[in-house]
Amino acid sequence: MWVMETDPHRRGPFWDVVAGRALPPPSAVLLGWELIEVDPEHGTIEVAFAAGEQFVNPMGVIQGGFLAAMLDETLGPALIATLPENRFAPTLDLHVQFLRPAHPGRLVGRGRIVQRGKEVCFLAGELVAPHGKPVAVATATARIQTVR
């Protein structure tokens, strides 16, 4: 498993952010995205998010749209970390299931490539609360394309 030891030869949007050669996307900053570990050979990733009070709904729990965004920011990088620098993979479809309320604090996203085709890839993952139980799960479809 690769853990925060940057290979200076890896390039691309994901690796440039990890190596400090590029700023993270504003969406990742807003969500408090933090890489824990990534294994590009196996297509897996683990990231953390800082689910702040600004994300709560009137019931005092994290609003579902923020949980969906966190899952998208987990699944996408699981695939993007495996791509060469001239390729990217926008999400075509994201299906989220909310399992239990998520409270402000640190949430951990775990994502993986389920099946990778030449252009279309299927991804899956979960978002876990500090008590160790998943608060949401997701599947996604992404399409690999060349960056122009």
Protein backbone atom coordinates (compact mmCIF):
# COMPACT_ATOMS: atom_id res chain seq x y z
CA MET A 1 0.00 0.00 0.00
CA TRP A 2 1.31 3.43 -0.92
CA VAL A 3 1.15 5.87 1.99
CA MET A 4 2.02 9.54 1.43
CA GLU A 5 5.44 8.80 -0.06
CA THR A 6 5.27 10.68 -3.32
CA ASP A 7 6.90 9.19 -6.39
CA PRO A 8 8.34 12.30 -8.11
CA HIS A 9 7.88 10.63 -11.51
CA ARG A 10 4.10 10.30 -11.21
CA ARG A 11 2.24 13.17 -12.87
CA GLY A 12 -1.35 14.16 -13.40
CA PRO A 13 -3.98 16.13 -11.51
CA PHE A 14 -4.09 13.77 -8.53
CA TRP A 15 -0.34 13.29 -8.15
CA ASP A 16 0.43 16.98 -8.71
CA VAL A 17 -1.80 17.87 -5.74
CA VAL A 18 -0.32 15.10 -3.56
CA ALA A 19 3.23 16.25 -4.40
CA GLY A 20 2.39 19.93 -3.77
CA ARG A 21 2.94 20.89 -7.42
CA ALA A 22 -0.68 22.04 -7.75
CA LEU A 23 -3.36 23.37 -5.45
CA PRO A 24 -6.18 21.02 -4.55
CA PRO A 25 -9.52 21.69 -6.21
CA PRO A 26 -11.70 24.16 -4.29
CA SER A 27 -14.31 21.43 -3.72
CA ALA A 28 -11.74 19.25 -1.95
CA VAL A 29 -10.62 22.20 0.18
CA LEU A 30 -14.21 22.98 1.16
CA LEU A 31 -14.78 19.38 2.23
CA GLY A 32 -11.49 19.19 4.15
CA TRP A 33 -10.17 16.39 1.89
CA GLU A 34 -7.08 14.62 3.24
CA LEU A 35 -5.34 11.66 1.64
CA ILE A 36 -4.73 8.82 4.08
CA GLU A 37 -3.49 6.17 1.64
CA VAL A 38 -3.79 5.13 -1.96
CA ASP A 39 -2.86 1.97 -3.82
CA PRO A 40 -2.96 2.68 -7.57
CA GLU A 41 -2.02 -0.90 -8.44
CA HIS A 42 -5.16 -2.20 -6.70
CA GLY A 43 -7.32 0.85 -7.43
CA THR A 44 -8.09 1.64 -3.79
CA ILE A 45 -8.01 4.82 -1.76
CA GLU A 46 -8.74 6.03 1.75
CA VAL A 47 -9.34 9.72 2.44
CA ALA A 48 -10.67 11.79 5.32
CA PHE A 49 -13.02 14.74 5.37
CA ALA A 50 -13.62 17.48 7.93
CA ALA A 51 -17.42 17.56 8.12
CA GLY A 52 -17.94 20.98 9.65
CA GLU A 53 -20.92 22.59 11.32
CA GLN A 54 -21.50 24.58 8.11
CA PHE A 55 -22.64 21.30 6.48
CA VAL A 56 -25.51 20.53 8.88
CA ASN A 57 -29.20 20.60 8.05
CA PRO A 58 -31.95 21.83 10.44
CA MET A 59 -31.78 18.45 12.26
CA GLY A 60 -28.10 19.03 13.13
CA VAL A 61 -26.72 16.26 10.92
CA ILE A 62 -24.62 16.53 7.76
CA GLN A 63 -26.86 17.31 4.77
CA GLY A 64 -26.92 14.48 2.22
CA GLY A 65 -25.55 16.56 -0.64
CA PHE A 66 -22.31 17.05 1.27
CA LEU A 67 -22.06 13.31 1.95
CA ALA A 68 -22.60 12.66 -1.77
CA ALA A 69 -19.87 15.18 -2.61
CA MET A 70 -17.50 13.46 -0.18
CA LEU A 71 -18.20 10.10 -1.80
CA ASP A 72 -17.59 11.59 -5.25
CA GLU A 73 -14.29 13.03 -3.93
CA THR A 74 -13.42 9.51 -2.75
CA LEU A 75 -14.41 7.37 -5.73
CA GLY A 76 -13.08 9.67 -8.45
CA PRO A 77 -9.55 9.87 -7.04
CA ALA A 78 -9.41 6.08 -6.65
CA LEU A 79 -9.54 5.93 -10.45
CA ILE A 80 -7.69 9.15 -11.27
CA ALA A 81 -4.66 8.00 -9.24
CA THR A 82 -4.25 5.13 -11.75
CA LEU A 83 -4.31 7.28 -14.89
CA PRO A 84 -1.44 8.86 -16.85
CA GLU A 85 -1.14 12.64 -16.70
CA ASN A 86 -3.04 13.30 -19.92
CA ARG A 87 -6.15 11.37 -18.85
CA PHE A 88 -9.06 12.28 -16.59
CA ALA A 89 -12.28 10.51 -15.60
CA PRO A 90 -15.36 12.61 -14.93
CA THR A 91 -18.20 10.97 -13.05
CA LEU A 92 -21.11 9.99 -15.30
CA ASP A 93 -23.38 8.61 -12.59
CA LEU A 94 -23.30 8.61 -8.80
CA HIS A 95 -25.78 6.57 -6.76
CA VAL A 96 -25.72 7.23 -3.01
CA GLN A 97 -27.51 5.39 -0.24
CA PHE A 98 -27.73 7.10 3.14
CA LEU A 99 -27.56 4.52 5.93
CA ARG A 100 -27.57 6.59 9.13
CA PRO A 101 -27.15 10.21 10.23
CA ALA A 102 -23.66 11.66 9.97
CA HIS A 103 -22.60 14.17 12.61
CA PRO A 104 -19.98 16.91 12.28
CA GLY A 105 -16.43 15.65 12.65
CA ARG A 106 -13.99 13.48 10.75
CA LEU A 107 -15.46 11.10 8.19
CA VAL A 108 -13.37 8.54 6.32
CA GLY A 109 -14.03 7.63 2.70
CA ARG A 110 -12.90 4.31 1.27
CA GLY A 111 -13.15 3.80 -2.46
CA ARG A 112 -12.19 1.20 -5.03
CA ILE A 113 -12.33 0.41 -8.71
CA VAL A 114 -14.82 -2.43 -9.16
CA GLN A 115 -14.23 -2.90 -12.88
CA ARG A 116 -12.11 -0.92 -15.29
CA GLY A 117 -12.75 -0.94 -19.00
CA LYS A 118 -10.92 0.90 -21.73
CA GLU A 119 -13.18 3.96 -21.31
CA VAL A 120 -15.90 3.17 -18.76
CA CYS A 121 -15.15 2.29 -15.15
CA PHE A 122 -17.31 1.22 -12.24
CA LEU A 123 -16.46 2.40 -8.73
CA ALA A 124 -17.78 1.75 -5.22
CA GLY A 125 -17.12 3.01 -1.74
CA GLU A 126 -18.33 4.03 1.67
CA LEU A 127 -18.16 6.91 4.08
CA VAL A 128 -17.48 5.88 7.68
CA ALA A 129 -18.13 7.82 10.90
CA PRO A 130 -15.71 7.85 13.85
CA HIS A 131 -17.71 5.08 15.56
CA GLY A 132 -16.69 2.80 12.65
CA LYS A 133 -20.11 2.38 11.07
CA PRO A 134 -20.81 3.48 7.48
CA VAL A 135 -23.09 6.51 7.15
CA ALA A 136 -23.41 6.28 3.36
CA VAL A 137 -22.35 4.04 0.49
CA ALA A 138 -22.09 4.80 -3.21
CA THR A 139 -21.50 3.36 -6.63
CA ALA A 140 -20.39 5.43 -9.60
CA THR A 141 -19.63 5.20 -13.27
CA ALA A 142 -16.79 7.25 -14.74
CA ARG A 143 -15.50 7.69 -18.26
CA ILE A 144 -11.79 7.89 -18.98
CA GLN A 145 -10.96 10.58 -21.51
CA THR A 146 -7.99 12.53 -22.76
CA VAL A 147 -7.40 16.00 -21.34
CA ARG A 148 -7.13 18.50 -24.16
